[in-house]
Protein backbone atom coordinates (compact mmCIF):
# COMPACT_ATOMS: atom_id res chain seq x y z
CA MET A 1 0.00 0.00 0.00
CA ARG A 2 1.40 3.36 -1.02
CA LEU A 3 0.95 6.05 1.60
CA THR A 4 0.35 9.67 0.71
CA ALA A 5 2.85 12.36 1.62
CA ARG A 6 0.48 13.61 4.32
CA ALA A 7 0.21 10.14 5.88
CA ARG A 8 3.98 9.60 5.78
CA LEU A 9 4.62 13.00 7.34
CA ALA A 10 2.03 12.36 10.09
CA ILE A 11 3.49 8.92 10.82
CA LEU A 12 6.98 10.38 11.00
CA GLN A 13 5.93 13.08 13.45
CA THR A 14 3.99 10.58 15.60
CA ALA A 15 6.96 8.22 15.65
CA LEU A 16 9.21 11.03 16.80
CA VAL A 17 6.83 11.90 19.65
CA LEU A 18 6.53 8.22 20.64
CA ALA A 19 10.30 7.75 20.61
CA ALA A 20 10.85 10.91 22.63
CA GLY A 21 8.17 9.86 25.18
CA ALA A 22 9.58 6.35 25.50
CA ALA A 23 13.09 7.70 25.97
CA LEU A 24 11.87 10.12 28.64
CA THR A 25 10.01 7.38 30.50
CA GLY A 26 13.00 5.03 30.41
CA LEU A 27 15.37 7.74 31.59
CA THR A 28 13.05 8.65 34.46
CA TYR A 29 12.82 4.99 35.49
CA LEU A 30 16.59 4.57 35.52
CA LEU A 31 17.18 7.74 37.51
CA MET A 32 14.62 6.80 40.15
CA LYS A 33 16.01 3.28 40.42
CA ARG A 34 19.56 4.45 41.03
CA ARG A 35 18.69 7.20 43.56
CA PRO A 36 18.36 5.97 47.20
CA ALA A 37 15.17 6.82 49.04
CA LEU A 38 15.39 9.34 51.87
CA VAL A 39 13.47 8.23 55.01
CA THR A 40 12.87 10.41 58.06
CA ARG A 41 11.49 8.93 61.35
CA LEU A 42 9.62 11.45 63.54
CA ASP A 43 9.61 11.47 67.36
CA PRO A 44 6.45 9.73 68.63
CA ASP A 45 6.37 11.97 71.73
CA GLY A 46 5.26 14.90 69.61
CA PRO A 47 6.76 18.33 68.93
CA ASP A 48 8.98 20.26 71.27
CA PRO A 49 7.73 23.31 73.25
CA GLN A 50 8.32 25.52 70.18
CA GLY A 51 6.04 23.23 68.04
CA THR A 52 8.76 21.71 65.89
CA LEU A 53 8.67 18.03 65.07
CA GLN A 54 11.84 16.23 66.01
CA SER A 55 13.33 13.39 64.00
CA VAL A 56 14.64 10.29 65.63
CA PRO A 57 17.56 8.46 64.01
CA PRO A 58 16.21 5.10 62.87
CA GLN A 59 18.00 1.84 63.12
CA PRO A 60 20.18 1.01 60.10
CA GLN A 61 18.36 -2.17 59.22
CA ASP A 62 14.95 -0.57 59.45
CA LEU A 63 16.10 2.31 57.25
CA ARG A 64 17.41 -0.02 54.53
CA ASP A 65 14.26 -2.14 54.45
CA LEU A 66 11.98 0.90 54.35
CA ALA A 67 13.98 2.54 51.55
CA ASP A 68 13.86 -0.60 49.44
CA GLN A 69 10.16 -0.93 49.96
CA VAL A 70 9.46 2.70 49.00
CA GLN A 71 11.63 2.47 45.90
CA ALA A 72 9.99 -0.77 44.77
CA ASP A 73 6.48 0.64 45.26
CA THR A 74 7.39 3.84 43.36
CA LEU A 75 8.92 1.99 40.42
CA ALA A 76 6.00 -0.43 40.27
CA ALA A 77 3.53 2.46 40.06
CA LEU A 78 5.65 4.45 37.55
CA LEU A 79 5.62 2.02 34.64
CA PRO A 80 1.81 1.63 34.20
CA GLN A 81 1.14 5.31 34.73
CA ALA A 82 3.92 6.37 32.39
CA GLY A 83 2.78 3.82 29.76
CA LEU A 84 -0.81 5.10 29.87
CA ALA A 85 0.37 8.72 29.60
CA LEU A 86 2.65 7.82 26.71
CA ILE A 87 -0.24 6.18 24.83
CA MET A 88 -2.49 9.20 25.32
CA VAL A 89 0.25 11.61 24.23
CA THR A 90 1.01 9.48 21.17
CA VAL A 91 -2.64 9.43 20.06
CA LEU A 92 -2.92 13.19 20.52
CA ALA A 93 0.36 13.67 18.64
CA ALA A 94 -0.93 11.54 15.74
CA VAL A 95 -4.06 13.68 15.41
CA LEU A 96 -2.11 16.92 15.59
CA ALA A 97 0.52 15.58 13.17
CA TRP A 98 -2.21 14.75 10.63
CA LEU A 99 -3.67 18.25 10.88
CA VAL A 100 -0.28 19.96 10.74
CA ALA A 101 0.82 17.86 7.75
CA GLY A 102 -2.35 18.84 5.89
CA ARG A 103 -1.72 22.49 6.66
CA VAL A 104 1.90 22.31 5.54
CA LEU A 105 1.07 20.46 2.32
CA ARG A 106 -1.86 22.68 1.34
CA PRO A 107 0.27 24.91 -0.99
CA ILE A 108 1.51 21.76 -2.71
CA ARG A 109 -2.09 20.69 -3.35
CA VAL A 110 -2.87 24.15 -4.73
CA ILE A 111 0.09 23.92 -7.12
CA SER A 112 -0.98 20.42 -8.19
CA ALA A 113 -4.58 21.53 -8.79
CA ALA A 114 -3.40 24.50 -10.87
CA ALA A 115 -1.16 22.22 -12.93
CA ARG A 116 -4.08 19.85 -13.60
CA ARG A 117 -6.20 22.75 -14.87
CA LEU A 118 -3.56 23.74 -17.39
CA SER A 119 -3.64 22.58 -20.98
CA ALA A 120 -2.13 23.56 -24.32
CA GLU A 121 -5.11 25.87 -24.97
CA ASN A 122 -5.25 27.40 -21.46
CA LEU A 123 -1.95 28.60 -20.04
CA THR A 124 -3.30 31.64 -18.20
CA GLU A 125 -3.70 29.86 -14.85
CA ARG A 126 -1.11 30.80 -12.25
CA VAL A 127 -0.25 29.49 -8.80
CA PRO A 128 -0.94 31.95 -5.96
CA VAL A 129 2.23 32.99 -4.15
CA THR A 130 1.73 32.90 -0.40
CA THR A 131 3.36 35.02 2.29
CA PRO A 132 5.71 35.09 4.07
CA ALA A 133 8.44 34.22 1.61
CA ASP A 134 9.53 30.64 2.27
CA GLU A 135 10.43 27.53 0.32
CA LEU A 136 6.82 26.93 -0.79
CA SER A 137 6.33 30.50 -2.02
CA ALA A 138 9.64 30.19 -3.88
CA LEU A 139 8.37 26.97 -5.46
CA ALA A 140 5.14 28.71 -6.53
CA GLY A 141 7.13 31.57 -8.06
CA THR A 142 9.34 29.11 -9.92
CA VAL A 143 6.29 27.29 -11.29
CA ASN A 144 4.76 30.60 -12.43
CA ASP A 145 7.98 31.58 -14.18
CA MET A 146 8.04 28.22 -15.93
CA LEU A 147 4.42 28.69 -17.03
CA ASP A 148 5.28 32.15 -18.39
CA ARG A 149 8.07 30.65 -20.49
CA ILE A 150 5.82 27.86 -21.71
CA GLN A 151 3.08 30.33 -22.63
CA CYS A 152 5.56 32.50 -24.56
CA GLY A 153 6.90 29.42 -26.34
CA VAL A 154 3.42 28.23 -27.30
CA ALA A 155 2.49 31.71 -28.53
CA GLU A 156 5.68 31.86 -30.60
CA ARG A 157 4.97 28.41 -32.03
CA ASP A 158 1.41 29.41 -32.97
CA ARG A 159 2.66 32.62 -34.57
CA ILE A 160 5.22 30.74 -36.64
CA LEU A 161 2.67 28.12 -37.69
CA ASP A 162 0.17 30.83 -38.63
CA GLY A 163 2.83 32.57 -40.68
CA GLN A 164 3.69 29.33 -42.46
CA ARG A 165 0.04 28.60 -43.19
CA LEU A 166 -0.48 32.14 -44.47
CA PHE A 167 2.64 31.89 -46.63
CA THR A 168 1.51 28.54 -48.10
CA ALA A 169 -2.03 29.73 -48.76
CA ASN A 170 -0.93 32.99 -50.38
CA ALA A 171 1.73 31.28 -52.49
CA ALA A 172 -0.74 28.65 -53.70
CA HIS A 173 -3.34 31.30 -54.51
CA GLU A 174 -1.07 33.80 -56.23
CA LEU A 175 1.06 31.33 -58.22
CA ARG A 176 -1.99 29.67 -59.74
CA THR A 177 -2.50 32.38 -62.37
CA PRO A 178 1.10 32.57 -63.77
CA LEU A 179 1.37 28.78 -63.78
CA THR A 180 -1.88 28.53 -65.70
CA THR A 181 -0.68 31.21 -68.12
CA ALA A 182 2.59 29.37 -68.77
CA ARG A 183 0.87 26.02 -69.26
CA THR A 184 -1.72 27.51 -71.61
CA ALA A 185 1.00 29.15 -73.70
CA ILE A 186 2.86 25.84 -73.96
CA ASP A 187 -0.26 23.81 -74.80
CA VAL A 188 -1.50 26.25 -77.44
CA THR A 189 1.92 26.57 -79.07
CA LEU A 190 2.64 22.86 -79.19
CA ASP A 191 -0.81 21.99 -80.51
CA GLY A 192 0.31 21.41 -84.08
CA HIS A 193 3.56 22.33 -85.82
CA PRO A 194 4.72 25.65 -84.32
CA SER A 195 7.09 27.85 -86.22
CA ARG A 196 10.19 29.40 -84.78
CA ASN A 197 8.42 32.71 -84.16
CA GLU A 198 5.61 30.94 -82.32
CA LEU A 199 8.14 29.10 -80.14
CA LEU A 200 9.91 32.37 -79.37
CA ALA A 201 6.61 34.00 -78.43
CA MET A 202 5.78 31.03 -76.18
CA ALA A 203 9.20 31.30 -74.54
CA GLY A 204 8.61 35.00 -73.88
CA ASP A 205 5.23 34.30 -72.28
CA VAL A 206 6.74 31.60 -70.08
CA ARG A 207 9.62 33.90 -69.11
CA ASP A 208 7.18 36.65 -68.11
CA ALA A 209 5.16 34.17 -66.04
CA VAL A 210 8.32 32.91 -64.31
CA ALA A 211 9.46 36.47 -63.60
CA HIS A 212 6.07 37.25 -62.10
CA MET A 213 6.20 34.12 -59.92
CA GLN A 214 9.64 35.18 -58.71
CA LEU A 215 8.29 38.59 -57.71
CA VAL A 216 5.40 37.00 -55.83
CA LEU A 217 7.69 34.58 -53.98
CA ASN A 218 10.15 37.34 -53.09
CA GLY A 219 7.31 39.45 -51.72
CA LEU A 220 5.91 36.55 -49.70
CA LEU A 221 9.34 35.68 -48.31
CA LEU A 222 9.86 39.28 -47.25
CA LEU A 223 6.40 39.28 -45.64
CA ALA A 224 7.22 36.07 -43.76
CA ARG A 225 10.53 37.53 -42.56
CA SER A 226 8.82 40.74 -41.50
CA GLN A 227 6.31 38.80 -39.41
CA ALA A 228 9.15 37.35 -37.34
CA GLU A 229 10.85 39.21 -34.54
CA ALA A 230 13.48 41.65 -35.72
CA GLY A 231 16.98 40.16 -35.64
CA THR A 232 20.03 42.34 -35.02
CA ARG A 233 18.82 45.60 -33.51
CA GLU A 234 20.68 48.89 -33.48
CA ALA A 235 19.90 52.57 -33.22
CA ALA A 236 18.51 54.16 -36.38
CA ASP A 237 17.04 57.54 -37.25
CA LEU A 238 13.72 57.47 -39.07
CA ALA A 239 14.44 60.95 -40.42
CA ALA A 240 17.63 59.79 -42.17
CA ILE A 241 15.95 56.64 -43.49
CA THR A 242 12.99 58.64 -44.78
CA ALA A 243 15.25 61.20 -46.47
CA ALA A 244 17.08 58.38 -48.26
CA ALA A 245 13.79 56.84 -49.39
CA LEU A 246 12.58 60.18 -50.74
CA GLY A 247 15.84 60.62 -52.63
CA THR A 248 15.40 57.19 -54.22
CA ALA A 249 11.82 58.05 -55.24
CA GLU A 250 12.81 61.40 -56.77
CA GLU A 251 12.41 60.35 -60.39
CA GLN A 252 9.12 58.58 -59.75
CA ALA A 253 7.67 61.66 -58.04
CA ALA A 254 8.91 63.95 -60.82
CA ALA A 255 7.46 61.72 -63.54
CA ALA A 256 4.04 61.68 -61.85
CA GLY A 257 4.07 65.42 -61.12
CA ILE A 258 3.64 64.86 -57.37
CA ALA A 259 4.73 67.57 -54.94
CA VAL A 260 6.53 66.18 -51.90
CA HIS A 261 6.52 68.09 -48.59
CA ALA A 262 8.82 66.67 -45.94
CA ARG A 263 9.10 67.80 -42.33
CA LEU A 264 11.74 65.57 -40.83
CA ARG A 265 12.80 65.84 -37.21
CA PRO A 266 15.15 63.33 -35.56
CA ALA A 267 13.26 60.22 -34.46
CA LEU A 268 15.64 57.61 -33.08
CA VAL A 269 14.44 54.02 -32.77
CA THR A 270 16.01 50.65 -32.09
CA GLY A 271 15.44 48.07 -34.80
CA GLU A 272 16.74 46.18 -37.79
CA PRO A 273 17.86 48.82 -40.32
CA VAL A 274 17.06 46.69 -43.39
CA LEU A 275 13.47 46.16 -42.28
CA LEU A 276 13.05 49.80 -41.29
CA GLU A 277 14.28 50.89 -44.73
CA ARG A 278 11.79 48.48 -46.32
CA LEU A 279 9.01 49.90 -44.13
CA VAL A 280 9.66 53.51 -45.17
CA GLY A 281 10.33 52.53 -48.79
CA ASN A 282 7.04 50.64 -49.08
CA LEU A 283 5.09 53.55 -47.60
CA VAL A 284 6.67 56.06 -49.98
CA ASP A 285 6.24 53.76 -52.98
CA ASN A 286 2.60 53.09 -52.08
CA ALA A 287 1.89 56.81 -51.62
CA LEU A 288 3.37 57.62 -55.06
CA ARG A 289 2.00 54.58 -56.91
CA TYR A 290 -1.62 55.15 -55.90
CA ASN A 291 -1.51 58.94 -56.08
CA HIS A 292 -2.81 60.97 -59.01
CA ALA A 293 -1.19 63.49 -61.30
CA ASP A 294 -0.47 66.86 -59.69
CA GLY A 295 -1.05 65.27 -56.29
CA HIS A 296 0.70 65.86 -52.99
CA LEU A 297 2.72 63.75 -50.56
CA ILE A 298 3.40 64.87 -46.99
CA VAL A 299 6.05 63.03 -44.98
CA GLU A 300 6.76 63.79 -41.32
CA THR A 301 9.01 62.29 -38.65
CA ARG A 302 9.09 63.43 -35.03
CA THR A 303 9.27 62.26 -31.44
CA ALA A 304 6.21 62.26 -29.19
CA GLY A 305 7.02 61.27 -25.62
CA ALA A 306 8.45 57.76 -25.62
CA ARG A 307 7.41 57.11 -29.23
CA ALA A 308 9.01 57.87 -32.57
CA VAL A 309 6.36 58.85 -35.11
CA LEU A 310 6.40 58.48 -38.89
CA ARG A 311 3.44 60.00 -40.76
CA ILE A 312 2.80 59.79 -44.50
CA CYS A 313 -0.20 61.52 -46.00
CA ASN A 314 -0.95 61.43 -49.73
CA THR A 315 -3.70 62.34 -52.15
CA GLY A 316 -5.31 59.71 -54.34
CA ARG A 317 -8.55 58.02 -55.20
CA GLU A 318 -11.38 57.96 -52.70
CA ILE A 319 -11.63 54.93 -50.43
CA ALA A 320 -14.53 54.03 -48.15
CA PRO A 321 -13.58 54.49 -44.45
CA GLU A 322 -14.62 50.94 -43.57
CA GLU A 323 -12.22 49.57 -46.20
CA ALA A 324 -9.11 51.29 -44.84
CA GLN A 325 -8.08 48.40 -42.60
CA THR A 326 -8.50 45.86 -45.42
CA LEU A 327 -5.60 47.54 -47.24
CA LEU A 328 -3.27 46.02 -44.64
CA GLU A 329 -4.20 42.50 -45.75
CA PRO A 330 -2.07 40.68 -48.36
CA PHE A 331 -2.99 41.13 -52.02
CA VAL A 332 -5.61 43.82 -51.40
CA HIS A 333 -5.59 47.07 -53.36
CA GLY A 334 -9.00 48.33 -52.40
CA GLN A 335 -12.70 47.50 -52.21
CA GLY A 336 -11.81 44.90 -49.57
CA THR A 337 -11.21 42.09 -52.06
CA ARG A 338 -8.19 40.19 -53.22
CA VAL A 339 -6.78 41.36 -56.53
CA ARG A 340 -4.72 39.73 -59.20
CA THR A 341 -1.05 40.43 -58.88
CA ASP A 342 -0.54 41.34 -62.52
CA GLY A 343 -1.57 44.95 -61.87
CA PRO A 344 0.55 47.91 -60.81
CA GLY A 345 1.65 46.15 -57.61
CA LEU A 346 1.59 42.87 -55.76
CA GLY A 347 -0.66 44.12 -52.97
CA LEU A 348 1.92 43.22 -50.32
CA GLY A 349 3.38 46.65 -49.57
CA LEU A 350 1.17 47.66 -46.64
CA SER A 351 1.05 44.08 -45.36
CA ILE A 352 4.83 44.12 -45.08
CA VAL A 353 4.66 47.54 -43.39
CA ARG A 354 2.23 46.23 -40.76
CA ALA A 355 4.34 43.10 -40.17
CA ILE A 356 7.54 45.14 -39.70
CA THR A 357 5.75 47.54 -37.36
CA HIS A 358 4.48 44.72 -35.17
CA ALA A 359 7.89 43.02 -35.21
CA HIS A 360 9.33 46.24 -33.73
CA HIS A 361 6.52 46.42 -31.11
CA GLY A 362 4.98 49.44 -32.79
CA HIS A 363 1.50 50.56 -33.80
CA ILE A 364 0.10 51.47 -37.22
CA ALA A 365 -2.99 53.59 -37.84
CA ILE A 366 -4.51 54.09 -41.29
CA THR A 367 -7.31 56.52 -42.11
CA VAL A 368 -8.79 57.89 -45.31
CA ARG A 369 -8.49 61.57 -46.23
CA PRO A 370 -11.48 63.66 -47.26
CA GLY A 371 -11.34 63.92 -51.02
CA GLY A 372 -9.20 60.80 -51.47
CA GLY A 373 -5.91 59.35 -50.35
CA LEU A 374 -4.59 57.88 -47.12
CA ASP A 375 -3.13 59.15 -43.86
CA ILE A 376 -0.85 56.53 -42.30
CA THR A 377 0.82 57.01 -38.91
CA ILE A 378 3.36 54.59 -37.46
CA GLU A 379 4.57 54.78 -33.86
CA LEU A 380 7.67 52.89 -32.74
CA PRO A 381 9.34 52.78 -29.32
CA HIS A 382 11.79 55.67 -29.02
CA HIS A 383 15.47 54.78 -28.61
CA SER A 384 16.00 55.05 -24.84
CA ARG A 385 19.70 55.98 -25.02
CA ALA A 386 19.56 58.63 -27.74
CA ALA A 387 22.10 60.81 -25.99
CA GLU A 388 24.87 58.21 -26.34
CA ARG A 389 25.41 58.87 -30.01
CA PRO A 390 24.81 61.89 -32.28
CA ALA A 391 21.77 61.88 -34.48
CA ARG A 392 22.39 62.10 -38.18
CA ARG A 393 20.92 65.07 -39.97
CA PRO A 394 18.73 63.92 -42.86
CA ALA A 395 19.70 65.02 -46.32
CA ALA A 396 18.31 68.41 -47.22
CA VAL A 397 16.38 68.85 -50.44
CA THR A 398 16.32 71.94 -52.60
CA ALA A 399 13.01 73.13 -53.85
CA GLN A 400 12.36 71.74 -57.30
CA PRO A 401 9.07 71.49 -59.14
CA ALA A 402 7.45 68.13 -58.40
CA SER A 403 10.65 66.37 -57.46
CA VAL A 404 12.87 65.49 -54.55
CA MET A 405 16.51 66.54 -54.88
CA PRO A 406 19.19 65.63 -52.28
CA ALA A 407 21.48 68.42 -51.16
CA ALA A 408 24.77 68.29 -49.33
CA PRO A 409 25.94 65.10 -47.65
CA PRO A 410 24.48 64.51 -44.18
CA ARG A 411 26.32 66.07 -41.27
CA SER A 412 26.47 64.85 -37.70
CA ARG A 413 24.59 66.80 -35.06
CA PRO A 414 25.01 66.48 -31.27
CA ALA A 415 22.28 64.51 -29.66
CA GLY A 416 19.70 66.23 -27.54
CA PRO A 417 16.24 67.72 -27.79
CA PRO A 418 16.00 69.72 -31.01
CA ALA A 419 15.24 73.37 -30.66
CA ALA A 420 13.69 73.53 -34.08
CA ALA A 421 13.01 71.35 -37.04
CA LEU A 422 16.00 70.19 -39.05
CA PRO A 423 16.41 71.29 -42.64
CA VAL A 424 14.19 68.80 -44.43
CA PRO A 425 13.12 68.03 -47.95
CA HIS A 426 10.41 70.51 -48.85
CA LEU A 427 9.11 71.24 -52.27
CA HIS A 428 5.98 72.61 -53.78
CA ARG A 429 4.49 73.04 -57.13
């Protein structure tokens, strides 16, 4: 029969009390047996005139016999009485030991009950930490820390699996059209006796389909990477990154006749520079691609409290307010529906922006502008040690009609709260 921990602890405590009582009884018996009895014989004539009883020295033989008799009677009465008392104390100790063991093991039962309630779908249960701080409270804290790590691991696993499922579903959906196009071109061309020109045309169609599939896969791989946590993190200035993105988009803005207004203040963040450059580049490209001729693009970077803010506002076609959030979904250009990826874009730009923002523990807000266009604001945690290194001044831009022109190379500027806005790209029509 397997005893519970409470029963074993109660038995151990009872055994200790029984052993201590038995040892005390035996020691008392031995001490009384070895100690001679003291006998005093009083004077039968009564007390003296002062009222004090006088002792009379007894005879040696009488004294020895009386002492032996007293000692034998005392020892004979000690063993039964001590045995009965020991039994009563042992029974009482067993009851108290059972109650005390239950009290001591109660936190263990609480921890065990909490562990039984846990499952892969419910990891929010935690063990209450009792006071004062002792070994059991330390055990409860250790179990809670372990549950926190398990919950984080399960959440990370689910996020990775969701990303893999999304990647597989999007790849299967978006590659269906170019694969069908390539197969149709091959089947139609080879249905008969194709000439050399027909074979060359078929090869061109297949090459275009393969190039399109490569673009789709590259976009999906970038989206999957953006959905993961950012890797190597370092300090970066959103103002400098935005100025570089505007310089890259100079020709595109000039060709579309779009006036770019930039108000760039230092906004230091901690993140992966490659992903941050992709974030800003996608926003600028999206704002220019879906703008209209003679439109406007406003770009702003600043610091608000403990957040670095990037705001891009552009003109464009009108979008229903309830459809703004759908633009952050993969392969959506508008009207809340998936679109074919053979248009002016893959429909992954804003999805990648949202994924990068979340990977850097930021927040993205997208709203529609009255009259058309979007207003997108991204907030990222501000770099907490901005004063340790100087902030780079973003490249200035000279005023040119409908274009963005970089000026002198960037110069270093001591870190600290800016007194005024830095020279920033600003142009107007």
